[in-house]
Protein backbone atom coordinates (compact mmCIF):
# COMPACT_ATOMS: atom_id res chain seq x y z
CA MET A 1 0.00 0.00 0.00
CA THR A 2 1.50 3.33 -1.01
CA THR A 3 1.41 6.47 1.08
CA ALA A 4 -1.33 7.96 -1.11
CA GLU A 5 -3.53 4.92 -0.54
CA GLN A 6 -3.54 5.08 3.30
CA PRO A 7 -7.11 5.15 4.73
CA GLY A 8 -6.40 8.15 6.99
CA ASP A 9 -5.77 10.40 4.02
CA ASP A 10 -9.09 9.42 2.45
CA VAL A 11 -10.95 10.45 5.63
CA ALA A 12 -9.11 13.80 5.84
CA THR A 13 -9.87 14.53 2.20
CA ALA A 14 -13.54 13.74 2.72
CA LEU A 15 -13.77 16.28 5.62
CA VAL A 16 -12.45 19.18 3.55
CA PRO A 17 -15.21 20.63 1.34
CA THR A 18 -14.16 20.79 -2.28
CA ASP A 19 -17.16 22.74 -3.52
CA THR A 20 -16.68 26.53 -3.28
CA GLY A 21 -20.44 26.97 -2.72
CA GLU A 22 -20.30 24.75 0.35
CA ARG A 23 -17.29 26.65 1.69
CA ARG A 24 -19.11 29.95 1.24
CA TRP A 25 -22.19 28.56 3.03
CA ARG A 26 -20.09 27.38 5.98
CA ARG A 27 -18.33 30.74 6.21
CA ARG A 28 -21.64 32.60 6.25
CA SER A 29 -22.98 30.24 8.91
CA LEU A 30 -20.00 31.00 11.14
CA TRP A 31 -20.49 34.76 10.72
CA ALA A 32 -24.20 34.39 11.47
CA LEU A 33 -23.37 32.46 14.61
CA LEU A 34 -20.98 35.20 15.73
CA LEU A 35 -23.78 37.75 15.34
CA ALA A 36 -26.54 35.57 16.80
CA LEU A 37 -24.79 34.65 20.05
CA PRO A 38 -24.49 38.25 21.38
CA ALA A 39 -28.09 38.97 20.29
CA VAL A 40 -29.40 35.94 22.20
CA TYR A 41 -27.32 36.91 25.22
CA LEU A 42 -28.71 40.46 25.19
CA LEU A 43 -32.29 39.23 24.91
CA THR A 44 -31.91 36.85 27.84
CA ALA A 45 -30.01 39.43 29.90
CA ARG A 46 -32.54 42.20 29.26
CA GLY A 47 -34.62 41.36 32.32
CA HIS A 48 -31.54 41.36 34.54
CA ILE A 49 -30.36 44.67 33.09
CA GLU A 50 -33.77 46.27 33.70
CA GLU A 51 -33.83 44.95 37.25
CA TRP A 52 -30.32 46.28 37.88
CA TRP A 53 -31.24 49.68 36.40
CA GLN A 54 -34.38 49.84 38.54
CA ALA A 55 -32.33 49.31 41.70
CA GLN A 56 -29.76 52.05 41.05
CA GLU A 57 -29.62 55.56 42.48
CA LEU A 58 -27.65 57.36 39.78
CA PHE A 59 -29.14 60.83 39.26
CA GLU A 60 -29.38 63.06 42.31
CA VAL A 61 -32.15 65.64 42.52
CA GLY A 62 -31.10 68.21 45.11
CA VAL A 63 -33.82 69.72 47.28
CA SER A 64 -33.16 72.92 49.22
CA ALA A 65 -34.09 73.08 52.85
CA GLY A 66 -37.78 73.77 53.46
CA VAL A 67 -38.77 73.27 49.79
CA GLU A 68 -41.34 70.71 48.56
CA ALA A 69 -40.24 68.32 45.83
CA GLN A 70 -42.61 66.47 43.49
CA PHE A 71 -41.49 62.84 43.46
CA ALA A 72 -43.23 59.52 42.74
CA GLY A 73 -46.76 60.89 42.75
CA ALA A 74 -46.40 63.00 45.90
CA ASP A 75 -45.00 66.27 47.27
CA TRP A 76 -42.15 65.59 49.70
CA LYS A 77 -41.07 68.10 52.34
CA LEU A 78 -38.45 67.41 54.97
CA GLU A 79 -39.67 68.44 58.42
CA THR A 80 -36.84 67.46 60.75
CA VAL A 81 -33.58 65.59 61.06
CA GLU A 82 -33.30 65.03 64.79
CA VAL A 83 -30.29 63.70 66.67
CA LEU A 84 -31.72 61.93 69.73
CA PRO A 85 -30.09 61.42 73.10
CA LEU A 86 -29.66 57.72 73.84
CA LYS A 87 -32.25 57.77 76.62
CA GLN A 88 -34.89 58.98 74.11
CA SER A 89 -34.01 56.30 71.58
CA GLY A 90 -35.59 53.66 73.78
CA TRP A 91 -32.55 51.42 73.42
CA PRO A 92 -29.64 52.46 75.66
CA ARG A 93 -27.28 49.86 74.15
CA VAL A 94 -27.42 51.30 70.65
CA GLN A 95 -23.99 51.63 69.03
CA GLY A 96 -23.59 55.10 67.56
CA THR A 97 -25.99 58.02 67.51
CA PRO A 98 -29.76 57.64 66.96
CA VAL A 99 -31.13 59.94 64.26
CA ARG A 100 -34.80 60.38 63.38
CA VAL A 101 -35.93 61.83 60.05
CA ARG A 102 -39.49 63.03 59.43
CA PHE A 103 -41.18 64.08 56.18
CA GLN A 104 -44.54 65.62 55.41
CA VAL A 105 -45.81 64.03 52.20
CA THR A 106 -48.91 65.09 50.28
CA VAL A 107 -50.23 62.36 47.98
CA ARG A 108 -50.98 63.58 44.42
CA ALA A 109 -51.36 60.32 42.45
CA PRO A 110 -53.78 57.49 43.30
CA ASP A 111 -51.23 54.71 42.75
CA ILE A 112 -48.46 55.35 45.25
CA ASP A 113 -48.73 51.69 46.25
CA VAL A 114 -47.07 50.97 42.87
CA LEU A 115 -44.87 54.06 42.55
CA TRP A 116 -43.46 53.66 46.06
CA ARG A 117 -42.40 50.02 45.74
CA ARG A 118 -39.02 49.38 47.33
CA CYS A 119 -39.13 52.80 48.95
CA GLN A 120 -35.78 53.55 50.55
CA ILE A 121 -35.00 56.44 52.84
CA ALA A 122 -31.32 56.66 53.73
CA LEU A 123 -28.75 59.03 55.17
CA ARG A 124 -25.57 60.00 53.28
CA ASP A 125 -22.54 62.00 54.28
CA ASP A 126 -20.28 64.19 52.14
CA GLN A 127 -17.98 61.23 51.47
CA GLY A 128 -20.73 59.18 49.85
CA ARG A 129 -21.19 56.77 52.76
CA ARG A 130 -24.77 55.58 53.19
CA TRP A 131 -26.83 54.34 56.14
CA SER A 132 -30.13 52.52 55.70
CA ALA A 133 -33.08 53.00 58.01
CA SER A 134 -33.14 50.61 60.94
CA GLY A 135 -35.43 51.14 63.88
CA PHE A 136 -33.63 51.33 67.23
CA GLY A 137 -36.67 50.30 69.22
CA GLY A 138 -37.89 53.71 70.29
CA PRO A 139 -41.53 54.76 70.18
CA ARG A 140 -42.89 56.87 67.32
CA SER A 141 -42.51 60.56 68.07
CA THR A 142 -46.08 61.45 67.08
CA GLU A 143 -49.32 59.55 66.68
CA GLY A 144 -49.99 58.77 63.03
CA THR A 145 -46.43 58.72 61.74
CA MET A 146 -45.40 55.71 59.67
CA THR A 147 -42.51 54.32 57.67
CA CYS A 148 -42.30 54.72 53.92
CA GLY A 149 -43.11 51.05 53.36
CA ALA A 150 -46.11 51.10 55.70
CA ALA A 151 -47.63 54.00 53.77
CA THR A 152 -48.25 51.72 50.78
CA LEU A 153 -50.15 49.02 52.68
CA GLU A 154 -53.52 50.62 51.97
CA PRO A 155 -54.87 52.93 49.24
CA ARG A 156 -54.16 56.63 49.72
CA ALA A 157 -56.44 59.16 48.07
CA PRO A 158 -54.91 62.22 46.37
CA GLY A 159 -54.73 65.06 48.87
CA THR A 160 -53.93 62.77 51.82
CA VAL A 161 -51.14 64.15 54.00
CA LEU A 162 -48.78 61.52 55.41
CA ARG A 163 -46.08 61.88 58.03
CA ILE A 164 -43.24 59.56 57.12
CA GLU A 165 -40.72 58.86 59.85
CA GLN A 166 -37.57 56.71 59.72
CA ASP A 167 -34.99 55.94 62.39
CA PHE A 168 -31.26 55.49 61.86
CA THR A 169 -28.13 54.77 63.80
CA VAL A 170 -25.01 56.48 62.49
CA PRO A 171 -21.43 56.91 63.76
CA ASN A 172 -21.11 59.65 66.36
CA ASP A 173 -18.77 61.79 64.25
CA VAL A 174 -21.21 62.15 61.31
CA ALA A 175 -24.51 62.56 63.14
CA ASP A 176 -24.69 66.28 62.38
CA LYS A 177 -23.39 65.96 58.79
CA VAL A 178 -25.71 63.41 57.18
CA GLU A 179 -28.43 64.34 54.68
CA PRO A 180 -31.59 62.32 53.91
CA THR A 181 -32.20 60.70 50.52
CA VAL A 182 -35.41 59.18 49.14
CA SER A 183 -35.69 56.69 46.29
CA MET A 184 -38.31 54.24 45.00
CA ASP A 185 -39.17 52.19 41.93
CA GLY A 186 -41.43 54.85 40.44
CA GLU A 187 -38.49 57.26 40.04
CA ARG A 188 -35.22 55.28 40.00
CA PRO A 189 -32.51 55.85 38.90
CA ARG A 190 -33.42 59.39 40.08
CA TYR A 191 -33.42 60.07 43.82
CA LEU A 192 -33.98 63.02 46.13
CA ARG A 193 -31.25 64.41 48.37
CA PHE A 194 -32.29 67.02 50.92
CA ASN A 195 -29.82 69.82 51.64
CA LEU A 196 -29.62 70.64 55.34
CA GLU A 197 -27.47 73.78 55.18
CA SER A 198 -30.24 76.13 56.27
CA TYR A 199 -31.79 73.84 58.91
């Protein structure tokens, strides 16, 4: 058997397309695959991208002290940012400084139960550090105040005035430097940041 007659060479020759039309078809198929894979990936990732986008706080809307801001179907006005003595916090073992933030909110849209989903009120300092609301066990300061999340548990007619109150614990050295922020699904990636300079 000569070298040209070896079975392995016959198999290799059979795998290589000899027709130029077939080669062109295979080349086009490869290019189509290269284009199709990213498109399929983007379509399947779209839901994740939208969910990520909906959770971000990217665009700050500054609100001057004492000014109402229209946001997520309501008018938001910061009433107080109050640093509480430990004995008033109701939890003497709290680590840090208790801070209570209160807003007066006038409902303008009938669907705040949708617009206010994943409502987050937080405190931020000038270095970008953020503290989430976490009750320290103290009683509400006034009858009728509620958290942002509790406000959506029942329908609220336009014109209803709510008093939103959230409690925080922050490090002692930033208690008088933090500013409240408000964000929720109906407005993200925009969020409110209340300027305390004139308080």
